[in-house]
Amino acid sequence: MEITDIRIRMIKKSEGRLKAVASLTIDNAIALHDIKILEQADGYFIAMPSRKTQDGEYRDIAHPINSETREILSDLILKAFKAELAKPPEA
């Protein structure tokens, strides 16, 4: 598996925990959208795309099967996010 593209969409109103939304492409063949980048007390983390069920719970629609893959995705997405944060603001 190769992550061939990562796109970060910064959230302008950053009063809440949601800071950005990421999309990634795997092997130039599969796109995964709406990966949330959230802030917590000790840094940032990703939340996979989810949908609210009828009983009010949230369930992931797509997610890594093992912790190794989750860590790889998290590291790559957060690296791209931090690169976006480092860019000068647009005028």
PDB file of N, CA and C in Angstrom:
ATOM      1  N   MET A   1       0.840  -1.177   0.000  1.00  0.00           N
ATOM      2  CA  MET A   1       0.000   0.000   0.000  1.00  0.00           C
ATOM      3  C   MET A   1       0.884   1.239   0.000  1.00  0.00           C
ATOM      4  N   GLU A   2       0.576   2.158  -0.914  1.00  0.00           N
ATOM      5  CA  GLU A   2       1.314   3.415  -0.977  1.00  0.00           C
ATOM      6  C   GLU A   2       0.323   4.573  -0.944  1.00  0.00           C
ATOM      7  N   ILE A   3       0.565   5.512  -0.050  1.00  0.00           N
ATOM      8  CA  ILE A   3      -0.241   6.732  -0.007  1.00  0.00           C
ATOM      9  C   ILE A   3       0.331   7.649  -1.077  1.00  0.00           C
ATOM     10  N   THR A   4      -0.445   7.899  -2.128  1.00  0.00           N
ATOM     11  CA  THR A   4       0.069   8.638  -3.264  1.00  0.00           C
ATOM     12  C   THR A   4      -0.312  10.119  -3.242  1.00  0.00           C
ATOM     13  N   ASP A   5      -1.250  10.516  -2.377  1.00  0.00           N
ATOM     14  CA  ASP A   5      -1.608  11.928  -2.280  1.00  0.00           C
ATOM     15  C   ASP A   5      -2.310  12.177  -0.952  1.00  0.00           C
ATOM     16  N   ILE A   6      -2.005  13.326  -0.355  1.00  0.00           N
ATOM     17  CA  ILE A   6      -2.708  13.767   0.855  1.00  0.00           C
ATOM     18  C   ILE A   6      -3.049  15.229   0.662  1.00  0.00           C
ATOM     19  N   ARG A   7      -4.305  15.563   0.881  1.00  0.00           N
ATOM     20  CA  ARG A   7      -4.753  16.954   0.780  1.00  0.00           C
ATOM     21  C   ARG A   7      -5.369  17.360   2.111  1.00  0.00           C
ATOM     22  N   ILE A   8      -5.026  18.555   2.534  1.00  0.00           N
ATOM     23  CA  ILE A   8      -5.506  19.076   3.807  1.00  0.00           C
ATOM     24  C   ILE A   8      -6.364  20.310   3.544  1.00  0.00           C
ATOM     25  N   ARG A   9      -7.558  20.328   4.109  1.00  0.00           N
ATOM     26  CA  ARG A   9      -8.431  21.501   4.036  1.00  0.00           C
ATOM     27  C   ARG A   9      -8.549  22.074   5.447  1.00  0.00           C
ATOM     28  N   MET A  10      -7.921  23.218   5.651  1.00  0.00           N
ATOM     29  CA  MET A  10      -7.919  23.859   6.958  1.00  0.00           C
ATOM     30  C   MET A  10      -9.317  24.395   7.269  1.00  0.00           C
ATOM     31  N   ILE A  11      -9.695  24.338   8.523  1.00  0.00           N
ATOM     32  CA  ILE A  11     -10.972  24.881   8.968  1.00  0.00           C
ATOM     33  C   ILE A  11     -10.707  26.302   9.465  1.00  0.00           C
ATOM     34  N   LYS A  12     -11.360  27.267   8.872  1.00  0.00           N
ATOM     35  CA  LYS A  12     -11.105  28.677   9.192  1.00  0.00           C
ATOM     36  C   LYS A  12     -11.546  29.019  10.613  1.00  0.00           C
ATOM     37  N   LYS A  13     -12.718  28.578  11.008  1.00  0.00           N
ATOM     38  CA  LYS A  13     -13.201  28.837  12.366  1.00  0.00           C
ATOM     39  C   LYS A  13     -12.619  27.773  13.278  1.00  0.00           C
ATOM     40  N   SER A  14     -11.501  28.075  13.893  1.00  0.00           N
ATOM     41  CA  SER A  14     -10.820  27.057  14.687  1.00  0.00           C
ATOM     42  C   SER A  14     -11.083  27.219  16.189  1.00  0.00           C
ATOM     43  N   GLU A  15     -12.292  27.667  16.552  1.00  0.00           N
ATOM     44  CA  GLU A  15     -12.627  27.811  17.962  1.00  0.00           C
ATOM     45  C   GLU A  15     -12.827  26.453  18.636  1.00  0.00           C
ATOM     46  N   GLY A  16     -13.267  25.472  17.877  1.00  0.00           N
ATOM     47  CA  GLY A  16     -13.484  24.141  18.429  1.00  0.00           C
ATOM     48  C   GLY A  16     -12.256  23.262  18.265  1.00  0.00           C
ATOM     49  N   ARG A  17     -12.451  21.982  18.486  1.00  0.00           N
ATOM     50  CA  ARG A  17     -11.343  21.031  18.382  1.00  0.00           C
ATOM     51  C   ARG A  17     -10.996  20.670  16.944  1.00  0.00           C
ATOM     52  N   LEU A  18     -11.958  20.760  16.024  1.00  0.00           N
ATOM     53  CA  LEU A  18     -11.719  20.413  14.623  1.00  0.00           C
ATOM     54  C   LEU A  18     -10.844  21.476  13.972  1.00  0.00           C
ATOM     55  N   LYS A  19      -9.677  21.082  13.483  1.00  0.00           N
ATOM     56  CA  LYS A  19      -8.726  22.016  12.895  1.00  0.00           C
ATOM     57  C   LYS A  19      -8.615  21.890  11.382  1.00  0.00           C
ATOM     58  N   ALA A  20      -8.853  20.680  10.852  1.00  0.00           N
ATOM     59  CA  ALA A  20      -8.731  20.465   9.406  1.00  0.00           C
ATOM     60  C   ALA A  20      -9.410  19.156   9.037  1.00  0.00           C
ATOM     61  N   VAL A  21      -9.586  18.982   7.726  1.00  0.00           N
ATOM     62  CA  VAL A  21     -10.125  17.743   7.185  1.00  0.00           C
ATOM     63  C   VAL A  21      -9.157  17.279   6.101  1.00  0.00           C
ATOM     64  N   ALA A  22      -8.838  15.996   6.119  1.00  0.00           N
ATOM     65  CA  ALA A  22      -7.878  15.446   5.165  1.00  0.00           C
ATOM     66  C   ALA A  22      -8.557  14.470   4.206  1.00  0.00           C
ATOM     67  N   SER A  23      -7.979  14.394   3.012  1.00  0.00           N
ATOM     68  CA  SER A  23      -8.333  13.372   2.026  1.00  0.00           C
ATOM     69  C   SER A  23      -7.031  12.723   1.607  1.00  0.00           C
ATOM     70  N   LEU A  24      -7.072  11.429   1.381  1.00  0.00           N
ATOM     71  CA  LEU A  24      -5.861  10.765   0.904  1.00  0.00           C
ATOM     72  C   LEU A  24      -6.199   9.795  -0.206  1.00  0.00           C
ATOM     73  N   THR A  25      -5.192   9.562  -1.036  1.00  0.00           N
ATOM     74  CA  THR A  25      -5.333   8.616  -2.143  1.00  0.00           C
ATOM     75  C   THR A  25      -4.358   7.476  -1.907  1.00  0.00           C
ATOM     76  N   ILE A  26      -4.851   6.267  -2.091  1.00  0.00           N
ATOM     77  CA  ILE A  26      -4.047   5.063  -1.900  1.00  0.00           C
ATOM     78  C   ILE A  26      -3.789   4.431  -3.261  1.00  0.00           C
ATOM     79  N   ASP A  27      -2.514   4.206  -3.573  1.00  0.00           N
ATOM     80  CA  ASP A  27      -2.094   3.549  -4.819  1.00  0.00           C
ATOM     81  C   ASP A  27      -2.696   4.181  -6.073  1.00  0.00           C
ATOM     82  N   ASN A  28      -2.897   5.499  -6.056  1.00  0.00           N
ATOM     83  CA  ASN A  28      -3.524   6.185  -7.191  1.00  0.00           C
ATOM     84  C   ASN A  28      -4.818   5.516  -7.631  1.00  0.00           C
ATOM     85  N   ALA A  29      -5.509   4.841  -6.693  1.00  0.00           N
ATOM     86  CA  ALA A  29      -6.681   4.078  -7.081  1.00  0.00           C
ATOM     87  C   ALA A  29      -7.884   4.275  -6.160  1.00  0.00           C
ATOM     88  N   ILE A  30      -7.661   4.563  -4.894  1.00  0.00           N
ATOM     89  CA  ILE A  30      -8.754   4.682  -3.934  1.00  0.00           C
ATOM     90  C   ILE A  30      -8.595   6.000  -3.171  1.00  0.00           C
ATOM     91  N   ALA A  31      -9.693   6.746  -3.071  1.00  0.00           N
ATOM     92  CA  ALA A  31      -9.672   7.997  -2.313  1.00  0.00           C
ATOM     93  C   ALA A  31     -10.460   7.810  -1.019  1.00  0.00           C
ATOM     94  N   LEU A  32      -9.953   8.390   0.034  1.00  0.00           N
ATOM     95  CA  LEU A  32     -10.603   8.356   1.344  1.00  0.00           C
ATOM     96  C   LEU A  32     -10.736   9.803   1.804  1.00  0.00           C
ATOM     97  N   HIS A  33     -11.973  10.258   2.006  1.00  0.00           N
ATOM     98  CA  HIS A  33     -12.245  11.653   2.338  1.00  0.00           C
ATOM     99  C   HIS A  33     -12.757  11.788   3.769  1.00  0.00           C
ATOM    100  N   ASP A  34     -12.768  13.022   4.240  1.00  0.00           N
ATOM    101  CA  ASP A  34     -13.374  13.399   5.527  1.00  0.00           C
ATOM    102  C   ASP A  34     -12.693  12.785   6.739  1.00  0.00           C
ATOM    103  N   ILE A  35     -11.370  12.721   6.699  1.00  0.00           N
ATOM    104  CA  ILE A  35     -10.604  12.326   7.880  1.00  0.00           C
ATOM    105  C   ILE A  35     -10.397  13.603   8.693  1.00  0.00           C
ATOM    106  N   LYS A  36     -10.930  13.619   9.909  1.00  0.00           N
ATOM    107  CA  LYS A  36     -10.866  14.824  10.728  1.00  0.00           C
ATOM    108  C   LYS A  36      -9.540  14.912  11.468  1.00  0.00           C
ATOM    109  N   ILE A  37      -9.003  16.124  11.554  1.00  0.00           N
ATOM    110  CA  ILE A  37      -7.822  16.388  12.377  1.00  0.00           C
ATOM    111  C   ILE A  37      -8.304  17.221  13.552  1.00  0.00           C
ATOM    112  N   LEU A  38      -8.193  16.641  14.732  1.00  0.00           N
ATOM    113  CA  LEU A  38      -8.710  17.255  15.950  1.00  0.00           C
ATOM    114  C   LEU A  38      -7.579  17.589  16.901  1.00  0.00           C
ATOM    115  N   GLU A  39      -7.811  18.616  17.714  1.00  0.00           N
ATOM    116  CA  GLU A  39      -6.816  19.024  18.699  1.00  0.00           C
ATOM    117  C   GLU A  39      -7.257  18.540  20.074  1.00  0.00           C
ATOM    118  N   GLN A  40      -6.295  18.055  20.825  1.00  0.00           N
ATOM    119  CA  GLN A  40      -6.532  17.696  22.217  1.00  0.00           C
ATOM    120  C   GLN A  40      -5.413  18.321  23.049  1.00  0.00           C
ATOM    121  N   ALA A  41      -5.455  18.158  24.341  1.00  0.00           N
ATOM    122  CA  ALA A  41      -4.509  18.830  25.238  1.00  0.00           C
ATOM    123  C   ALA A  41      -3.047  18.554  24.883  1.00  0.00           C
ATOM    124  N   ASP A  42      -2.731  17.335  24.463  1.00  0.00           N
ATOM    125  CA  ASP A  42      -1.334  16.982  24.201  1.00  0.00           C
ATOM    126  C   ASP A  42      -0.970  16.926  22.723  1.00  0.00           C
ATOM    127  N   GLY A  43      -1.782  17.533  21.862  1.00  0.00           N
ATOM    128  CA  GLY A  43      -1.437  17.573  20.449  1.00  0.00           C
ATOM    129  C   GLY A  43      -2.629  17.299  19.554  1.00  0.00           C
ATOM    130  N   TYR A  44      -2.345  16.772  18.374  1.00  0.00           N
ATOM    131  CA  TYR A  44      -3.373  16.512  17.368  1.00  0.00           C
ATOM    132  C   TYR A  44      -3.546  15.012  17.164  1.00  0.00           C
ATOM    133  N   PHE A  45      -4.750  14.632  16.711  1.00  0.00           N
ATOM    134  CA  PHE A  45      -4.994  13.247  16.342  1.00  0.00           C
ATOM    135  C   PHE A  45      -5.992  13.220  15.198  1.00  0.00           C
ATOM    136  N   ILE A  46      -6.081  12.067  14.524  1.00  0.00           N
ATOM    137  CA  ILE A  46      -7.025  11.939  13.419  1.00  0.00           C
ATOM    138  C   ILE A  46      -8.215  11.092  13.852  1.00  0.00           C
ATOM    139  N   ALA A  47      -9.357  11.386  13.235  1.00  0.00           N
ATOM    140  CA  ALA A  47     -10.570  10.583  13.422  1.00  0.00           C
ATOM    141  C   ALA A  47     -11.033  10.175  12.032  1.00  0.00           C
ATOM    142  N   MET A  48     -11.244   8.910  11.856  1.00  0.00           N
ATOM    143  CA  MET A  48     -11.644   8.399  10.553  1.00  0.00           C
ATOM    144  C   MET A  48     -13.076   8.826  10.232  1.00  0.00           C
ATOM    145  N   PRO A  49     -13.447   8.805   8.944  1.00  0.00           N
ATOM    146  CA  PRO A  49     -14.799   9.205   8.556  1.00  0.00           C
ATOM    147  C   PRO A  49     -15.833   8.344   9.283  1.00  0.00           C
ATOM    148  N   SER A  50     -16.887   8.993   9.772  1.00  0.00           N
ATOM    149  CA  SER A  50     -17.900   8.246  10.516  1.00  0.00           C
ATOM    150  C   SER A  50     -19.288   8.749  10.161  1.00  0.00           C
ATOM    151  N   ARG A  51     -20.268   7.984  10.597  1.00  0.00           N
ATOM    152  CA  ARG A  51     -21.667   8.316  10.360  1.00  0.00           C
ATOM    153  C   ARG A  51     -22.417   8.088  11.665  1.00  0.00           C
ATOM    154  N   LYS A  52     -23.357   8.970  11.962  1.00  0.00           N
ATOM    155  CA  LYS A  52     -24.163   8.829  13.169  1.00  0.00           C
ATOM    156  C   LYS A  52     -25.258   7.803  12.921  1.00  0.00           C
ATOM    157  N   THR A  53     -25.387   6.851  13.839  1.00  0.00           N
ATOM    158  CA  THR A  53     -26.415   5.819  13.713  1.00  0.00           C
ATOM    159  C   THR A  53     -27.734   6.314  14.308  1.00  0.00           C
ATOM    160  N   GLN A  54     -28.787   5.545  14.136  1.00  0.00           N
ATOM    161  CA  GLN A  54     -30.102   5.929  14.649  1.00  0.00           C
ATOM    162  C   GLN A  54     -30.122   6.050  16.165  1.00  0.00           C
ATOM    163  N   ASP A  55     -29.256   5.306  16.848  1.00  0.00           N
ATOM    164  CA  ASP A  55     -29.240   5.384  18.317  1.00  0.00           C
ATOM    165  C   ASP A  55     -28.271   6.447  18.837  1.00  0.00           C
ATOM    166  N   GLY A  56     -27.745   7.289  17.940  1.00  0.00           N
ATOM    167  CA  GLY A  56     -26.901   8.404  18.352  1.00  0.00           C
ATOM    168  C   GLY A  56     -25.418   8.095  18.449  1.00  0.00           C
ATOM    169  N   GLU A  57     -25.037   6.868  18.233  1.00  0.00           N
ATOM    170  CA  GLU A  57     -23.623   6.488  18.250  1.00  0.00           C
ATOM    171  C   GLU A  57     -22.977   6.848  16.912  1.00  0.00           C
ATOM    172  N   TYR A  58     -21.668   7.028  16.935  1.00  0.00           N
ATOM    173  CA  TYR A  58     -20.923   7.254  15.706  1.00  0.00           C
ATOM    174  C   TYR A  58     -20.150   5.993  15.365  1.00  0.00           C
ATOM    175  N   ARG A  59     -20.207   5.589  14.099  1.00  0.00           N
ATOM    176  CA  ARG A  59     -19.486   4.413  13.627  1.00  0.00           C
ATOM    177  C   ARG A  59     -18.620   4.807  12.450  1.00  0.00           C
ATOM    178  N   ASP A  60     -17.364   4.337  12.469  1.00  0.00           N
ATOM    179  CA  ASP A  60     -16.468   4.591  11.338  1.00  0.00           C
ATOM    180  C   ASP A  60     -17.014   3.940  10.084  1.00  0.00           C
ATOM    181  N   ILE A  61     -16.924   4.655   8.961  1.00  0.00           N
ATOM    182  CA  ILE A  61     -17.328   4.065   7.685  1.00  0.00           C
ATOM    183  C   ILE A  61     -16.139   3.383   7.027  1.00  0.00           C
ATOM    184  N   ALA A  62     -14.957   3.896   7.315  1.00  0.00           N
ATOM    185  CA  ALA A  62     -13.707   3.307   6.814  1.00  0.00           C
ATOM    186  C   ALA A  62     -12.668   3.485   7.908  1.00  0.00           C
ATOM    187  N   HIS A  63     -11.855   2.471   8.087  1.00  0.00           N
ATOM    188  CA  HIS A  63     -10.828   2.565   9.134  1.00  0.00           C
ATOM    189  C   HIS A  63      -9.737   1.539   8.885  1.00  0.00           C
ATOM    190  N   PRO A  64      -8.532   1.803   9.420  1.00  0.00           N
ATOM    191  CA  PRO A  64      -7.448   0.822   9.310  1.00  0.00           C
ATOM    192  C   PRO A  64      -7.809  -0.434  10.114  1.00  0.00           C
ATOM    193  N   ILE A  65      -7.361  -1.566   9.646  1.00  0.00           N
ATOM    194  CA  ILE A  65      -7.660  -2.840  10.308  1.00  0.00           C
ATOM    195  C   ILE A  65      -6.721  -3.102  11.480  1.00  0.00           C
ATOM    196  N   ASN A  66      -5.508  -2.545  11.424  1.00  0.00           N
ATOM    197  CA  ASN A  66      -4.563  -2.811  12.516  1.00  0.00           C
ATOM    198  C   ASN A  66      -3.895  -1.514  12.970  1.00  0.00           C
ATOM    199  N   SER A  67      -3.269  -1.573  14.133  1.00  0.00           N
ATOM    200  CA  SER A  67      -2.672  -0.370  14.724  1.00  0.00           C
ATOM    201  C   SER A  67      -1.469   0.128  13.919  1.00  0.00           C
ATOM    202  N   GLU A  68      -0.746  -0.766  13.269  1.00  0.00           N
ATOM    203  CA  GLU A  68       0.408  -0.355  12.460  1.00  0.00           C
ATOM    204  C   GLU A  68      -0.043   0.545  11.305  1.00  0.00           C
ATOM    205  N   THR A  69      -1.104   0.143  10.625  1.00  0.00           N
ATOM    206  CA  THR A  69      -1.615   0.941   9.515  1.00  0.00           C
ATOM    207  C   THR A  69      -2.191   2.256  10.023  1.00  0.00           C
ATOM    208  N   ARG A  70      -2.889   2.232  11.149  1.00  0.00           N
ATOM    209  CA  ARG A  70      -3.427   3.465  11.734  1.00  0.00           C
ATOM    210  C   ARG A  70      -2.288   4.440  12.046  1.00  0.00           C
ATOM    211  N   GLU A  71      -1.202   3.944  12.595  1.00  0.00           N
ATOM    212  CA  GLU A  71      -0.069   4.799  12.932  1.00  0.00           C
ATOM    213  C   GLU A  71       0.569   5.400  11.676  1.00  0.00           C
ATOM    214  N   ILE A  72       0.702   4.594  10.627  1.00  0.00           N
ATOM    215  CA  ILE A  72       1.261   5.092   9.363  1.00  0.00           C
ATOM    216  C   ILE A  72       0.392   6.221   8.812  1.00  0.00           C
ATOM    217  N   LEU A  73      -0.927   5.989   8.752  1.00  0.00           N
ATOM    218  CA  LEU A  73      -1.836   7.011   8.238  1.00  0.00           C
ATOM    219  C   LEU A  73      -1.797   8.267   9.093  1.00  0.00           C
ATOM    220  N   SER A  74      -1.842   8.080  10.396  1.00  0.00           N
ATOM    221  CA  SER A  74      -1.820   9.213  11.317  1.00  0.00           C
ATOM    222  C   SER A  74      -0.549  10.037  11.141  1.00  0.00           C
ATOM    223  N   ASP A  75       0.595   9.375  11.081  1.00  0.00           N
ATOM    224  CA  ASP A  75       1.880  10.080  10.928  1.00  0.00           C
ATOM    225  C   ASP A  75       1.920  10.882   9.621  1.00  0.00           C
ATOM    226  N   LEU A  76       1.489  10.271   8.522  1.00  0.00           N
ATOM    227  CA  LEU A  76       1.523  10.956   7.225  1.00  0.00           C
ATOM    228  C   LEU A  76       0.555  12.131   7.176  1.00  0.00           C
ATOM    229  N   ILE A  77      -0.654  11.940   7.681  1.00  0.00           N
ATOM    230  CA  ILE A  77      -1.663  13.006   7.656  1.00  0.00           C
ATOM    231  C   ILE A  77      -1.240  14.159   8.559  1.00  0.00           C
ATOM    232  N   LEU A  78      -0.776  13.857   9.760  1.00  0.00           N
ATOM    233  CA  LEU A  78      -0.372  14.919  10.674  1.00  0.00           C
ATOM    234  C   LEU A  78       0.870  15.662  10.174  1.00  0.00           C
ATOM    235  N   LYS A  79       1.751  14.962   9.476  1.00  0.00           N
ATOM    236  CA  LYS A  79       2.916  15.627   8.875  1.00  0.00           C
ATOM    237  C   LYS A  79       2.451  16.629   7.811  1.00  0.00           C
ATOM    238  N   ALA A  80       1.504  16.226   6.975  1.00  0.00           N
ATOM    239  CA  ALA A  80       0.967  17.121   5.946  1.00  0.00           C
ATOM    240  C   ALA A  80       0.222  18.294   6.588  1.00  0.00           C
ATOM    241  N   PHE A  81      -0.511  18.026   7.665  1.00  0.00           N
ATOM    242  CA  PHE A  81      -1.226  19.076   8.387  1.00  0.00           C
ATOM    243  C   PHE A  81      -0.251  20.103   8.968  1.00  0.00           C
ATOM    244  N   LYS A  82       0.801  19.636   9.589  1.00  0.00           N
ATOM    245  CA  LYS A  82       1.786  20.553  10.186  1.00  0.00           C
ATOM    246  C   LYS A  82       2.491  21.375   9.107  1.00  0.00           C
ATOM    247  N   ALA A  83       2.691  20.801   7.932  1.00  0.00           N
ATOM    248  CA  ALA A  83       3.272  21.556   6.815  1.00  0.00           C
ATOM    249  C   ALA A  83       2.327  22.666   6.391  1.00  0.00           C
ATOM    250  N   GLU A  84       1.021  22.385   6.397  1.00  0.00           N
ATOM    251  CA  GLU A  84       0.025  23.423   6.071  1.00  0.00           C
ATOM    252  C   GLU A  84       0.035  24.522   7.128  1.00  0.00           C
ATOM    253  N   LEU A  85       0.143  24.145   8.389  1.00  0.00           N
ATOM    254  CA  LEU A  85       0.192  25.132   9.468  1.00  0.00           C
ATOM    255  C   LEU A  85       1.403  26.055   9.335  1.00  0.00           C
ATOM    256  N   ALA A  86       2.498  25.525   8.823  1.00  0.00           N
ATOM    257  CA  ALA A  86       3.734  26.284   8.701  1.00  0.00           C
ATOM    258  C   ALA A  86       3.714  27.286   7.544  1.00  0.00           C
ATOM    259  N   LYS A  87       2.786  27.108   6.620  1.00  0.00           N
ATOM    260  CA  LYS A  87       2.697  28.023   5.459  1.00  0.00           C
ATOM    261  C   LYS A  87       2.234  29.394   5.940  1.00  0.00           C
ATOM    262  N   PRO A  88       2.745  30.451   5.307  1.00  0.00           N
ATOM    263  CA  PRO A  88       2.285  31.793   5.674  1.00  0.00           C
ATOM    264  C   PRO A  88       0.801  31.955   5.300  1.00  0.00           C
ATOM    265  N   PRO A  89       0.061  32.722   6.090  1.00  0.00           N
ATOM    266  CA  PRO A  89      -1.363  32.930   5.781  1.00  0.00           C
ATOM    267  C   PRO A  89      -1.539  33.654   4.448  1.00  0.00           C
ATOM    268  N   GLU A  90      -2.620  33.282   3.759  1.00  0.00           N
ATOM    269  CA  GLU A  90      -2.913  33.935   2.469  1.00  0.00           C
ATOM    270  C   GLU A  90      -3.504  35.316   2.719  1.00  0.00           C
ATOM    271  N   ALA A  91      -3.162  36.221   1.856  1.00  0.00           N
ATOM    272  CA  ALA A  91      -3.656  37.607   2.018  1.00  0.00           C
ATOM    273  C   ALA A  91      -5.031  37.764   1.429  1.00  0.00           C
TER     274      ALA A  91
END
